[in-house]
Structure formats: C-alpha cells, structure tokens
C-alpha cells in the first residue's frame, strides 16, 4: 500500500477523503478504499478510460493465444452459453416493471441473451455492446444486431430521448466515472423514463462468513462496490427520483455453503438452484437475503426527474 497515493485519494461520487479497507486480488498497484463522507467503496487509483480499453482488449487477446485457436472457438462458445442462464433471471426481474408498449435499451448486452429473450416475449428492445467480438457472436448465434458503440464516452445522437426504459446488469461497477456515465444515460430516456440497474452488493452476507470470499470479490475490473445507500445517492445525484432498491439473490444456499466450507467458488454448474424436493430451502434462504438486503446483488429502479 502506497500511503502517499492514498493520502491524496478522493471518492469518485462526492470527492470526500477515503480510507484503505482491502487489497485487490489481481493488482498490487491499486487498493480498495471507503469514502469517509458518503461511504462509497471503490478502487483507487482509478484507471483512465483508454487504460481500461487496453486492459480488456489485452485480456481477451491473451485468452485467444492461450486457446490456440481462431475467433469463435470452443472456449468462446462455452463462455457465451454460460451466460444464458443469467439472462433468464434478468427477464424475470424486469418483466413486472415494464410493459410491452415501452421501448427498452439494454446497456452492456454482452452476448445478446437478454435482448433475444425479451424479443421472444414480444418486447421492443435494443442492445448496446462495446465488445465487438461479443456483439459478433450474438449476431452469428441469433441474427441480433447489437449496437457496437462506446457509450461510456457519449451516446449516439439517434438514441437521445428515445427510450422508455434503460436497463443494465452488472455494468455500472465497471465504470470509472459513474456520475458522468449516468448523466449520459439519462439523455436517452423519454420524460419520466425508467432506469433499472443491477450491481453486486457490498453487503453480500457471505463476505461476513468467508475470508476467502471477501478477498475474492475485490478485483481490478470492479471499480465500485455499491451499497443500497450509495446506489441511491448516485441515482439521486444524477437526476433520478422515486428510487427503489431491492435485494437480488440468484446464487443458491449451496454456493454459500461451498464458500464457507472450502473457500472456493462454485463448480462447473452455477449453483443457482437446488435439486427438486429441496427447492423450498433455497427459496427461504433467497427470500431472507433479499428482504434484509444481504443478497449477492441489488437492483435499483428509478424514474427520470
């Protein structure tokens, strides 16, 4: 830990002074800090946008070299298919919040699963994805054309004031300037438009029970670690109102027990559900985690003021 650097560190949300709380698991030159004023938890120093772009691109290219194959190899397909299960849960989360006559934009569409499943349910939805390779995979799989554009820098002019609902799942925690980012996002909403944001929850209950899990959640690509209070404060600061925060627990109790017993992540399957006959146990666990906002993720829903 470099004390000189941390002495000059300030919070990305309120510019308050910060305190060191943890190391990153994969970067010795950055640390996890907590704002003494607003309580926001983040990485410091923050990478610049160009630095992040290079980092993500290099990681992708290294994976290509490791697999010794060309584009759309078996590793790519396996990773793409793994995300389908998550999209099913995302659809379940948003359907009660929107209607089929609303126009929707998903930011950070990845492999396009959510867009595909929402269109299958007859919703009008566009998706934007900065990763060209993921966007191409989505197109080759389903024929869906995701908008390949860097929304972090600026929205497309054709998007301005065009959408009733904008949603993003596990995107905001990767953004190095969430205030500017959400100010860009809101320009694409119609008056009284709705934003739906899901992020990992800093108050995830397993962090209290497993030192290994607590250390594992801090890594280079997650630049923010939101709590219900800090996500609310960010939405309020960027011009949203009628803010509701809910808990989201998709991982099963099996995943929690594995971390506590072994200090290791889930197996090849995602450990989202328990076998038939025991699902009532899992549902009770998920209900409690969500109600107490100790779930692995939180979802914020707000209206453009």
C-alpha atoms as a PDB file:
ATOM      1  CA  UNK A   1       0.000   0.000   0.000  1.00  0.00           C
ATOM      2  CA  UNK A   2       1.385   3.405  -1.048  1.00  0.00           C
ATOM      3  CA  UNK A   3       0.449   5.823   1.741  1.00  0.00           C
ATOM      4  CA  UNK A   4       1.405   8.905  -0.307  1.00  0.00           C
ATOM      5  CA  UNK A   5      -1.029   7.976  -3.096  1.00  0.00           C
ATOM      6  CA  UNK A   6      -3.827   7.173  -0.662  1.00  0.00           C
ATOM      7  CA  UNK A   7      -3.340  10.437   1.225  1.00  0.00           C
ATOM      8  CA  UNK A   8      -4.377  12.279  -1.956  1.00  0.00           C
ATOM      9  CA  UNK A   9      -7.221   9.889  -2.838  1.00  0.00           C
ATOM     10  CA  UNK A  10     -10.796  11.162  -3.098  1.00  0.00           C
ATOM     11  CA  UNK A  11     -14.177   9.497  -3.607  1.00  0.00           C
ATOM     12  CA  UNK A  12     -15.497   9.254  -7.183  1.00  0.00           C
ATOM     13  CA  UNK A  13     -19.011  10.194  -6.038  1.00  0.00           C
ATOM     14  CA  UNK A  14     -18.551  13.049  -3.567  1.00  0.00           C
ATOM     15  CA  UNK A  15     -14.807  13.906  -3.612  1.00  0.00           C
ATOM     16  CA  UNK A  16     -14.543  13.077   0.092  1.00  0.00           C
ATOM     17  CA  UNK A  17     -11.390  11.644   1.668  1.00  0.00           C
ATOM     18  CA  UNK A  18     -11.041   7.876   1.761  1.00  0.00           C
ATOM     19  CA  UNK A  19      -9.655   5.119   3.974  1.00  0.00           C
ATOM     20  CA  UNK A  20      -7.940   1.879   2.901  1.00  0.00           C
ATOM     21  CA  UNK A  21     -10.010  -1.259   3.533  1.00  0.00           C
ATOM     22  CA  UNK A  22      -8.610  -4.088   1.375  1.00  0.00           C
ATOM     23  CA  UNK A  23      -6.170  -5.191  -1.318  1.00  0.00           C
ATOM     24  CA  UNK A  24      -7.183  -6.277  -4.809  1.00  0.00           C
ATOM     25  CA  UNK A  25      -6.709  -9.939  -5.602  1.00  0.00           C
ATOM     26  CA  UNK A  26      -5.118  -9.247  -9.017  1.00  0.00           C
ATOM     27  CA  UNK A  27      -3.464  -5.797  -8.932  1.00  0.00           C
ATOM     28  CA  UNK A  28      -0.778  -4.715  -6.472  1.00  0.00           C
ATOM     29  CA  UNK A  29      -0.856  -1.100  -7.652  1.00  0.00           C
ATOM     30  CA  UNK A  30      -4.468  -0.369  -6.685  1.00  0.00           C
ATOM     31  CA  UNK A  31      -6.443  -0.767  -3.490  1.00  0.00           C
ATOM     32  CA  UNK A  32      -9.999  -0.805  -2.206  1.00  0.00           C
ATOM     33  CA  UNK A  33     -10.954   2.313  -0.263  1.00  0.00           C
ATOM     34  CA  UNK A  34     -14.057   3.616   1.505  1.00  0.00           C
ATOM     35  CA  UNK A  35     -15.197   7.234   1.483  1.00  0.00           C
ATOM     36  CA  UNK A  36     -15.261   8.794   4.948  1.00  0.00           C
ATOM     37  CA  UNK A  37     -18.108  11.097   3.887  1.00  0.00           C
ATOM     38  CA  UNK A  38     -20.628   9.119   1.809  1.00  0.00           C
ATOM     39  CA  UNK A  39     -19.464   5.549   2.451  1.00  0.00           C
ATOM     40  CA  UNK A  40     -18.877   4.634  -1.199  1.00  0.00           C
ATOM     41  CA  UNK A  41     -16.406   1.777  -1.708  1.00  0.00           C
ATOM     42  CA  UNK A  42     -14.204   1.884  -4.793  1.00  0.00           C
ATOM     43  CA  UNK A  43     -10.852   1.074  -6.325  1.00  0.00           C
ATOM     44  CA  UNK A  44      -8.067   3.652  -6.163  1.00  0.00           C
ATOM     45  CA  UNK A  45      -6.268   4.868  -8.229  1.00  0.00           C
ATOM     46  CA  UNK A  46      -8.977   4.658 -10.890  1.00  0.00           C
ATOM     47  CA  UNK A  47      -7.869   3.690 -14.400  1.00  0.00           C
ATOM     48  CA  UNK A  48      -8.472   6.076 -17.277  1.00  0.00           C
ATOM     49  CA  UNK A  49     -10.964   5.037 -19.977  1.00  0.00           C
ATOM     50  CA  UNK A  50      -8.167   4.403 -22.508  1.00  0.00           C
ATOM     51  CA  UNK A  51      -6.288   2.301 -19.957  1.00  0.00           C
ATOM     52  CA  UNK A  52      -9.387   0.221 -19.304  1.00  0.00           C
ATOM     53  CA  UNK A  53      -9.984  -0.341 -23.016  1.00  0.00           C
ATOM     54  CA  UNK A  54      -6.409  -1.595 -23.417  1.00  0.00           C
ATOM     55  CA  UNK A  55      -6.719  -3.795 -20.326  1.00  0.00           C
ATOM     56  CA  UNK A  56      -9.890  -5.536 -21.522  1.00  0.00           C
ATOM     57  CA  UNK A  57      -8.538  -5.952 -25.054  1.00  0.00           C
ATOM     58  CA  UNK A  58      -5.232  -7.424 -23.836  1.00  0.00           C
ATOM     59  CA  UNK A  59      -7.019  -9.900 -21.570  1.00  0.00           C
ATOM     60  CA  UNK A  60      -9.183 -11.018 -24.479  1.00  0.00           C
ATOM     61  CA  UNK A  61      -6.244 -11.411 -26.831  1.00  0.00           C
ATOM     62  CA  UNK A  62      -4.269 -13.369 -24.234  1.00  0.00           C
ATOM     63  CA  UNK A  63      -7.179 -15.767 -23.912  1.00  0.00           C
ATOM     64  CA  UNK A  64      -7.190 -16.199 -27.697  1.00  0.00           C
ATOM     65  CA  UNK A  65      -3.492 -17.011 -27.683  1.00  0.00           C
ATOM     66  CA  UNK A  66      -3.931 -19.472 -24.832  1.00  0.00           C
ATOM     67  CA  UNK A  67      -6.680 -21.390 -26.600  1.00  0.00           C
ATOM     68  CA  UNK A  68      -4.502 -21.724 -29.749  1.00  0.00           C
ATOM     69  CA  UNK A  69      -7.494 -21.202 -31.988  1.00  0.00           C
ATOM     70  CA  UNK A  70      -9.197 -18.547 -34.079  1.00  0.00           C
ATOM     71  CA  UNK A  71     -12.277 -16.466 -33.445  1.00  0.00           C
ATOM     72  CA  UNK A  72     -15.398 -18.224 -32.147  1.00  0.00           C
ATOM     73  CA  UNK A  73     -13.536 -21.243 -30.860  1.00  0.00           C
ATOM     74  CA  UNK A  74     -14.917 -23.716 -28.356  1.00  0.00           C
ATOM     75  CA  UNK A  75     -13.879 -21.537 -25.400  1.00  0.00           C
ATOM     76  CA  UNK A  76     -15.829 -18.569 -26.805  1.00  0.00           C
ATOM     77  CA  UNK A  77     -18.958 -20.614 -27.387  1.00  0.00           C
ATOM     78  CA  UNK A  78     -18.807 -22.215 -23.949  1.00  0.00           C
ATOM     79  CA  UNK A  79     -18.491 -18.808 -22.262  1.00  0.00           C
ATOM     80  CA  UNK A  80     -21.318 -17.365 -24.341  1.00  0.00           C
ATOM     81  CA  UNK A  81     -23.655 -20.241 -23.495  1.00  0.00           C
ATOM     82  CA  UNK A  82     -22.856 -19.978 -19.791  1.00  0.00           C
ATOM     83  CA  UNK A  83     -24.488 -16.537 -19.718  1.00  0.00           C
ATOM     84  CA  UNK A  84     -27.855 -17.772 -20.994  1.00  0.00           C
ATOM     85  CA  UNK A  85     -28.990 -18.811 -17.512  1.00  0.00           C
ATOM     86  CA  UNK A  86     -28.341 -15.313 -16.171  1.00  0.00           C
ATOM     87  CA  UNK A  87     -30.470 -13.764 -18.918  1.00  0.00           C
ATOM     88  CA  UNK A  88     -33.459 -15.877 -17.860  1.00  0.00           C
ATOM     89  CA  UNK A  89     -33.255 -14.356 -14.378  1.00  0.00           C
ATOM     90  CA  UNK A  90     -32.810 -10.833 -15.740  1.00  0.00           C
ATOM     91  CA  UNK A  91     -36.018 -11.248 -17.743  1.00  0.00           C
ATOM     92  CA  UNK A  92     -37.841 -12.385 -14.607  1.00  0.00           C
ATOM     93  CA  UNK A  93     -36.577  -9.300 -12.756  1.00  0.00           C
ATOM     94  CA  UNK A  94     -37.687  -6.686 -15.295  1.00  0.00           C
ATOM     95  CA  UNK A  95     -40.976  -8.057 -16.659  1.00  0.00           C
ATOM     96  CA  UNK A  96     -43.019  -6.912 -13.612  1.00  0.00           C
ATOM     97  CA  UNK A  97     -41.573  -3.408 -14.014  1.00  0.00           C
ATOM     98  CA  UNK A  98     -42.303  -2.696 -17.688  1.00  0.00           C
ATOM     99  CA  UNK A  99     -44.989  -3.094 -20.320  1.00  0.00           C
ATOM    100  CA  UNK A 100     -44.781  -4.359 -23.889  1.00  0.00           C
ATOM    101  CA  UNK A 101     -45.619  -0.978 -25.398  1.00  0.00           C
ATOM    102  CA  UNK A 102     -42.459   0.571 -23.933  1.00  0.00           C
ATOM    103  CA  UNK A 103     -39.218   0.905 -25.856  1.00  0.00           C
ATOM    104  CA  UNK A 104     -36.229  -0.564 -23.992  1.00  0.00           C
ATOM    105  CA  UNK A 105     -32.451  -0.205 -24.231  1.00  0.00           C
ATOM    106  CA  UNK A 106     -30.021  -2.582 -22.559  1.00  0.00           C
ATOM    107  CA  UNK A 107     -26.527  -1.199 -21.999  1.00  0.00           C
ATOM    108  CA  UNK A 108     -23.791  -3.817 -21.870  1.00  0.00           C
ATOM    109  CA  UNK A 109     -25.642  -6.579 -23.714  1.00  0.00           C
ATOM    110  CA  UNK A 110     -22.707  -8.979 -23.806  1.00  0.00           C
ATOM    111  CA  UNK A 111     -23.695 -11.942 -25.960  1.00  0.00           C
ATOM    112  CA  UNK A 112     -27.220 -10.645 -26.527  1.00  0.00           C
ATOM    113  CA  UNK A 113     -29.129 -13.213 -24.496  1.00  0.00           C
ATOM    114  CA  UNK A 114     -31.336 -10.724 -22.631  1.00  0.00           C
ATOM    115  CA  UNK A 115     -32.231  -8.882 -25.838  1.00  0.00           C
ATOM    116  CA  UNK A 116     -33.039 -12.166 -27.552  1.00  0.00           C
ATOM    117  CA  UNK A 117     -35.251 -13.445 -24.735  1.00  0.00           C
ATOM    118  CA  UNK A 118     -37.079 -10.137 -24.354  1.00  0.00           C
ATOM    119  CA  UNK A 119     -37.790 -10.025 -28.079  1.00  0.00           C
ATOM    120  CA  UNK A 120     -39.095 -13.585 -27.851  1.00  0.00           C
ATOM    121  CA  UNK A 121     -41.526 -12.218 -25.238  1.00  0.00           C
ATOM    122  CA  UNK A 122     -42.573  -9.526 -27.778  1.00  0.00           C
ATOM    123  CA  UNK A 123     -40.820  -6.586 -26.118  1.00  0.00           C
ATOM    124  CA  UNK A 124     -39.309  -3.788 -28.212  1.00  0.00           C
ATOM    125  CA  UNK A 125     -35.665  -3.697 -27.155  1.00  0.00           C
ATOM    126  CA  UNK A 126     -32.276  -2.587 -28.476  1.00  0.00           C
ATOM    127  CA  UNK A 127     -28.933  -3.636 -27.046  1.00  0.00           C
ATOM    128  CA  UNK A 128     -25.596  -1.851 -26.990  1.00  0.00           C
ATOM    129  CA  UNK A 129     -22.293  -3.684 -26.541  1.00  0.00           C
ATOM    130  CA  UNK A 130     -18.820  -2.143 -26.707  1.00  0.00           C
ATOM    131  CA  UNK A 131     -17.095  -5.530 -27.201  1.00  0.00           C
ATOM    132  CA  UNK A 132     -17.100  -6.186 -30.942  1.00  0.00           C
ATOM    133  CA  UNK A 133     -16.354  -9.895 -30.542  1.00  0.00           C
ATOM    134  CA  UNK A 134     -19.285 -10.444 -28.181  1.00  0.00           C
ATOM    135  CA  UNK A 135     -21.568  -8.491 -30.495  1.00  0.00           C
ATOM    136  CA  UNK A 136     -20.455 -10.603 -33.469  1.00  0.00           C
ATOM    137  CA  UNK A 137     -21.037 -13.820 -31.533  1.00  0.00           C
ATOM    138  CA  UNK A 138     -24.551 -12.667 -30.665  1.00  0.00           C
ATOM    139  CA  UNK A 139     -25.250 -11.957 -34.328  1.00  0.00           C
ATOM    140  CA  UNK A 140     -23.894 -15.311 -35.531  1.00  0.00           C
ATOM    141  CA  UNK A 141     -25.961 -17.151 -32.917  1.00  0.00           C
ATOM    142  CA  UNK A 142     -29.268 -15.337 -33.225  1.00  0.00           C
ATOM    143  CA  UNK A 143     -29.139 -12.753 -36.001  1.00  0.00           C
ATOM    144  CA  UNK A 144     -29.498  -9.979 -33.415  1.00  0.00           C
ATOM    145  CA  UNK A 145     -27.568  -6.845 -34.305  1.00  0.00           C
ATOM    146  CA  UNK A 146     -26.308  -5.198 -31.139  1.00  0.00           C
ATOM    147  CA  UNK A 147     -25.238  -1.572 -31.386  1.00  0.00           C
ATOM    148  CA  UNK A 148     -21.434  -1.624 -31.217  1.00  0.00           C
ATOM    149  CA  UNK A 149     -20.660   1.748 -29.642  1.00  0.00           C
ATOM    150  CA  UNK A 150     -18.688   3.106 -26.669  1.00  0.00           C
ATOM    151  CA  UNK A 151     -21.495   4.518 -24.547  1.00  0.00           C
ATOM    152  CA  UNK A 152     -19.040   5.497 -21.809  1.00  0.00           C
ATOM    153  CA  UNK A 153     -17.738   8.351 -23.968  1.00  0.00           C
ATOM    154  CA  UNK A 154     -21.057   9.536 -25.387  1.00  0.00           C
ATOM    155  CA  UNK A 155     -24.459   8.225 -26.536  1.00  0.00           C
ATOM    156  CA  UNK A 156     -25.386   8.103 -30.198  1.00  0.00           C
ATOM    157  CA  UNK A 157     -27.443  11.071 -31.375  1.00  0.00           C
ATOM    158  CA  UNK A 158     -30.158   8.724 -32.654  1.00  0.00           C
ATOM    159  CA  UNK A 159     -30.653   7.439 -29.087  1.00  0.00           C
ATOM    160  CA  UNK A 160     -31.389  10.784 -27.463  1.00  0.00           C
ATOM    161  CA  UNK A 161     -34.820  10.873 -25.829  1.00  0.00           C
ATOM    162  CA  UNK A 162     -35.757   7.583 -27.487  1.00  0.00           C
ATOM    163  CA  UNK A 163     -36.350   5.053 -24.699  1.00  0.00           C
ATOM    164  CA  UNK A 164     -38.974   4.482 -22.016  1.00  0.00           C
ATOM    165  CA  UNK A 165     -36.729   2.086 -20.083  1.00  0.00           C
ATOM    166  CA  UNK A 166     -32.956   1.655 -19.878  1.00  0.00           C
ATOM    167  CA  UNK A 167     -31.539  -1.324 -18.035  1.00  0.00           C
ATOM    168  CA  UNK A 168     -28.070  -2.638 -17.282  1.00  0.00           C
ATOM    169  CA  UNK A 169     -26.936  -5.726 -15.418  1.00  0.00           C
ATOM    170  CA  UNK A 170     -23.514  -5.793 -13.746  1.00  0.00           C
ATOM    171  CA  UNK A 171     -22.200  -2.922 -15.841  1.00  0.00           C
ATOM    172  CA  UNK A 172     -22.102   0.125 -13.550  1.00  0.00           C
ATOM    173  CA  UNK A 173     -19.468  -1.354 -11.237  1.00  0.00           C
ATOM    174  CA  UNK A 174     -17.035  -1.404 -14.184  1.00  0.00           C
ATOM    175  CA  UNK A 175     -17.390   2.319 -14.962  1.00  0.00           C
ATOM    176  CA  UNK A 176     -14.621   4.687 -13.839  1.00  0.00           C
ATOM    177  CA  UNK A 177     -16.900   7.752 -13.752  1.00  0.00           C
ATOM    178  CA  UNK A 178     -20.438   6.602 -12.884  1.00  0.00           C
ATOM    179  CA  UNK A 179     -21.742  10.163 -12.440  1.00  0.00           C
ATOM    180  CA  UNK A 180     -20.847  11.221 -15.994  1.00  0.00           C
ATOM    181  CA  UNK A 181     -21.962   7.841 -17.286  1.00  0.00           C
ATOM    182  CA  UNK A 182     -25.466   8.070 -15.780  1.00  0.00           C
ATOM    183  CA  UNK A 183     -25.773  11.666 -16.917  1.00  0.00           C
ATOM    184  CA  UNK A 184     -25.135  10.367 -20.441  1.00  0.00           C
ATOM    185  CA  UNK A 185     -27.596   7.522 -19.941  1.00  0.00           C
ATOM    186  CA  UNK A 186     -30.462   9.770 -18.871  1.00  0.00           C
ATOM    187  CA  UNK A 187     -30.248  11.798 -22.110  1.00  0.00           C
ATOM    188  CA  UNK A 188     -31.542   8.716 -23.910  1.00  0.00           C
ATOM    189  CA  UNK A 189     -34.661   8.446 -21.757  1.00  0.00           C
ATOM    190  CA  UNK A 190     -38.025   9.961 -22.558  1.00  0.00           C
ATOM    191  CA  UNK A 191     -39.609  12.234 -19.903  1.00  0.00           C
ATOM    192  CA  UNK A 192     -40.439  10.161 -16.786  1.00  0.00           C
ATOM    193  CA  UNK A 193     -38.394   7.289 -18.247  1.00  0.00           C
ATOM    194  CA  UNK A 194     -37.297   4.405 -16.018  1.00  0.00           C
ATOM    195  CA  UNK A 195     -33.789   3.147 -15.283  1.00  0.00           C
ATOM    196  CA  UNK A 196     -33.120  -0.363 -13.942  1.00  0.00           C
ATOM    197  CA  UNK A 197     -29.616  -1.111 -12.634  1.00  0.00           C
ATOM    198  CA  UNK A 198     -28.325  -4.336 -11.109  1.00  0.00           C
ATOM    199  CA  UNK A 199     -24.923  -4.344  -9.367  1.00  0.00           C
ATOM    200  CA  UNK A 200     -23.089  -6.589  -6.880  1.00  0.00           C
ATOM    201  CA  UNK A 201     -23.981  -5.816  -3.275  1.00  0.00           C
ATOM    202  CA  UNK A 202     -21.168  -4.733  -0.970  1.00  0.00           C
ATOM    203  CA  UNK A 203     -23.227  -6.069   1.947  1.00  0.00           C
ATOM    204  CA  UNK A 204     -23.310  -9.593   0.492  1.00  0.00           C
ATOM    205  CA  UNK A 205     -23.794 -11.853   3.521  1.00  0.00           C
ATOM    206  CA  UNK A 206     -21.136 -14.391   2.522  1.00  0.00           C
ATOM    207  CA  UNK A 207     -18.444 -11.707   2.882  1.00  0.00           C
ATOM    208  CA  UNK A 208     -19.012 -11.876   6.640  1.00  0.00           C
ATOM    209  CA  UNK A 209     -18.737 -15.663   6.755  1.00  0.00           C
ATOM    210  CA  UNK A 210     -15.808 -16.428   4.442  1.00  0.00           C
ATOM    211  CA  UNK A 211     -12.471 -14.593   4.427  1.00  0.00           C
ATOM    212  CA  UNK A 212     -11.660 -16.229   1.083  1.00  0.00           C
ATOM    213  CA  UNK A 213     -14.885 -14.947  -0.444  1.00  0.00           C
ATOM    214  CA  UNK A 214     -14.354 -11.467   0.973  1.00  0.00           C
ATOM    215  CA  UNK A 215     -10.895 -11.294  -0.604  1.00  0.00           C
ATOM    216  CA  UNK A 216     -12.117 -12.776  -3.893  1.00  0.00           C
ATOM    217  CA  UNK A 217     -14.764 -10.117  -4.546  1.00  0.00           C
ATOM    218  CA  UNK A 218     -12.183  -7.332  -4.851  1.00  0.00           C
ATOM    219  CA  UNK A 219     -10.651  -7.354  -8.308  1.00  0.00           C
ATOM    220  CA  UNK A 220      -9.345  -4.974 -10.940  1.00  0.00           C
ATOM    221  CA  UNK A 221     -12.374  -4.798 -13.243  1.00  0.00           C
ATOM    222  CA  UNK A 222     -14.832  -3.896 -10.478  1.00  0.00           C
ATOM    223  CA  UNK A 223     -14.170  -0.229  -9.767  1.00  0.00           C
ATOM    224  CA  UNK A 224     -17.172   0.362  -7.476  1.00  0.00           C
ATOM    225  CA  UNK A 225     -18.751  -1.721  -4.701  1.00  0.00           C
ATOM    226  CA  UNK A 226     -22.227  -0.321  -4.187  1.00  0.00           C
ATOM    227  CA  UNK A 227     -24.420  -0.476  -1.104  1.00  0.00           C
ATOM    228  CA  UNK A 228     -28.156   0.306  -1.161  1.00  0.00           C
ATOM    229  CA  UNK A 229     -27.324   3.753   0.242  1.00  0.00           C
ATOM    230  CA  UNK A 230     -24.563   4.637  -2.239  1.00  0.00           C
ATOM    231  CA  UNK A 231     -26.535   3.406  -5.255  1.00  0.00           C
ATOM    232  CA  UNK A 232     -29.469   5.523  -4.066  1.00  0.00           C
ATOM    233  CA  UNK A 233     -27.196   8.548  -3.592  1.00  0.00           C
ATOM    234  CA  UNK A 234     -25.736   8.138  -7.098  1.00  0.00           C
ATOM    235  CA  UNK A 235     -29.176   7.911  -8.711  1.00  0.00           C
ATOM    236  CA  UNK A 236     -30.365  10.958  -6.782  1.00  0.00           C
ATOM    237  CA  UNK A 237     -27.253  12.932  -7.727  1.00  0.00           C
ATOM    238  CA  UNK A 238     -27.719  12.202 -11.426  1.00  0.00           C
ATOM    239  CA  UNK A 239     -31.329  13.374 -11.614  1.00  0.00           C
ATOM    240  CA  UNK A 240     -33.463  10.342 -10.775  1.00  0.00           C
ATOM    241  CA  UNK A 241     -36.324  10.119  -8.270  1.00  0.00           C
ATOM    242  CA  UNK A 242     -38.806   7.557  -6.880  1.00  0.00           C
ATOM    243  CA  UNK A 243     -35.802   5.334  -6.182  1.00  0.00           C
ATOM    244  CA  UNK A 244     -36.400   1.761  -5.018  1.00  0.00           C
ATOM    245  CA  UNK A 245     -33.625  -0.681  -4.055  1.00  0.00           C
ATOM    246  CA  UNK A 246     -34.321  -4.408  -3.854  1.00  0.00           C
ATOM    247  CA  UNK A 247     -32.179  -7.391  -2.990  1.00  0.00           C
ATOM    248  CA  UNK A 248     -31.384  -9.979  -5.666  1.00  0.00           C
ATOM    249  CA  UNK A 249     -30.207 -13.454  -4.593  1.00  0.00           C
ATOM    250  CA  UNK A 250     -29.653 -15.770  -7.545  1.00  0.00           C
ATOM    251  CA  UNK A 251     -26.886 -17.989  -6.199  1.00  0.00           C
ATOM    252  CA  UNK A 252     -28.262 -20.819  -4.069  1.00  0.00           C
ATOM    253  CA  UNK A 253     -27.524 -21.702  -0.465  1.00  0.00           C
ATOM    254  CA  UNK A 254     -25.285 -24.450  -1.879  1.00  0.00           C
ATOM    255  CA  UNK A 255     -22.930 -21.770  -3.190  1.00  0.00           C
ATOM    256  CA  UNK A 256     -22.774 -20.116   0.231  1.00  0.00           C
ATOM    257  CA  UNK A 257     -22.001 -23.401   1.976  1.00  0.00           C
ATOM    258  CA  UNK A 258     -19.266 -24.210  -0.556  1.00  0.00           C
ATOM    259  CA  UNK A 259     -17.511 -20.895   0.073  1.00  0.00           C
ATOM    260  CA  UNK A 260     -17.776 -21.269   3.850  1.00  0.00           C
ATOM    261  CA  UNK A 261     -16.544 -24.886   3.871  1.00  0.00           C
ATOM    262  CA  UNK A 262     -13.890 -24.794   1.138  1.00  0.00           C
ATOM    263  CA  UNK A 263     -13.077 -21.146   0.445  1.00  0.00           C
ATOM    264  CA  UNK A 264     -13.559 -21.816  -3.256  1.00  0.00           C
ATOM    265  CA  UNK A 265     -16.036 -20.630  -5.915  1.00  0.00           C
ATOM    266  CA  UNK A 266     -18.872 -22.574  -7.455  1.00  0.00           C
ATOM    267  CA  UNK A 267     -18.395 -25.705  -9.514  1.00  0.00           C
ATOM    268  CA  UNK A 268     -18.794 -26.018 -13.302  1.00  0.00           C
ATOM    269  CA  UNK A 269     -22.531 -25.505 -12.888  1.00  0.00           C
ATOM    270  CA  UNK A 270     -23.631 -22.174 -11.494  1.00  0.00           C
ATOM    271  CA  UNK A 271     -25.285 -23.427  -8.280  1.00  0.00           C
ATOM    272  CA  UNK A 272     -28.359 -21.285  -8.796  1.00  0.00           C
ATOM    273  CA  UNK A 273     -30.985 -23.838  -7.761  1.00  0.00           C
ATOM    274  CA  UNK A 274     -31.192 -26.900  -5.523  1.00  0.00           C
ATOM    275  CA  UNK A 275     -32.456 -30.322  -6.676  1.00  0.00           C
ATOM    276  CA  UNK A 276     -36.210 -30.837  -6.805  1.00  0.00           C
ATOM    277  CA  UNK A 277     -37.581 -31.512  -3.347  1.00  0.00           C
ATOM    278  CA  UNK A 278     -35.159 -29.150  -1.620  1.00  0.00           C
ATOM    279  CA  UNK A 279     -36.011 -26.010  -3.536  1.00  0.00           C
ATOM    280  CA  UNK A 280     -38.180 -24.769  -0.645  1.00  0.00           C
ATOM    281  CA  UNK A 281     -34.999 -24.494   1.471  1.00  0.00           C
ATOM    282  CA  UNK A 282     -33.344 -22.474  -1.249  1.00  0.00           C
ATOM    283  CA  UNK A 283     -36.357 -20.196  -1.648  1.00  0.00           C
ATOM    284  CA  UNK A 284     -36.408 -19.454   2.083  1.00  0.00           C
ATOM    285  CA  UNK A 285     -32.702 -18.588   2.012  1.00  0.00           C
ATOM    286  CA  UNK A 286     -33.125 -16.332  -1.023  1.00  0.00           C
ATOM    287  CA  UNK A 287     -36.174 -14.593   0.463  1.00  0.00           C
ATOM    288  CA  UNK A 288     -34.314 -13.749   3.683  1.00  0.00           C
ATOM    289  CA  UNK A 289     -31.202 -12.494   1.866  1.00  0.00           C
ATOM    290  CA  UNK A 290     -33.277 -10.273  -0.408  1.00  0.00           C
ATOM    291  CA  UNK A 291     -35.510  -8.900   2.353  1.00  0.00           C
ATOM    292  CA  UNK A 292     -32.527  -7.978   4.551  1.00  0.00           C
ATOM    293  CA  UNK A 293     -30.537  -6.591   1.562  1.00  0.00           C
ATOM    294  CA  UNK A 294     -27.730  -9.062   2.270  1.00  0.00           C
ATOM    295  CA  UNK A 295     -28.071 -10.661  -1.159  1.00  0.00           C
ATOM    296  CA  UNK A 296     -25.222 -11.055  -3.637  1.00  0.00           C
ATOM    297  CA  UNK A 297     -26.673  -8.225  -5.758  1.00  0.00           C
ATOM    298  CA  UNK A 298     -29.045  -5.285  -5.528  1.00  0.00           C
ATOM    299  CA  UNK A 299     -31.259  -3.771  -8.181  1.00  0.00           C
ATOM    300  CA  UNK A 300     -32.118  -0.087  -8.303  1.00  0.00           C
ATOM    301  CA  UNK A 301     -35.230   1.198 -10.093  1.00  0.00           C
ATOM    302  CA  UNK A 302     -35.742   4.926 -10.548  1.00  0.00           C
ATOM    303  CA  UNK A 303     -37.579   7.498 -12.664  1.00  0.00           C
ATOM    304  CA  UNK A 304     -36.077  10.412 -14.555  1.00  0.00           C
ATOM    305  CA  UNK A 305     -36.978  13.543 -12.594  1.00  0.00           C
END
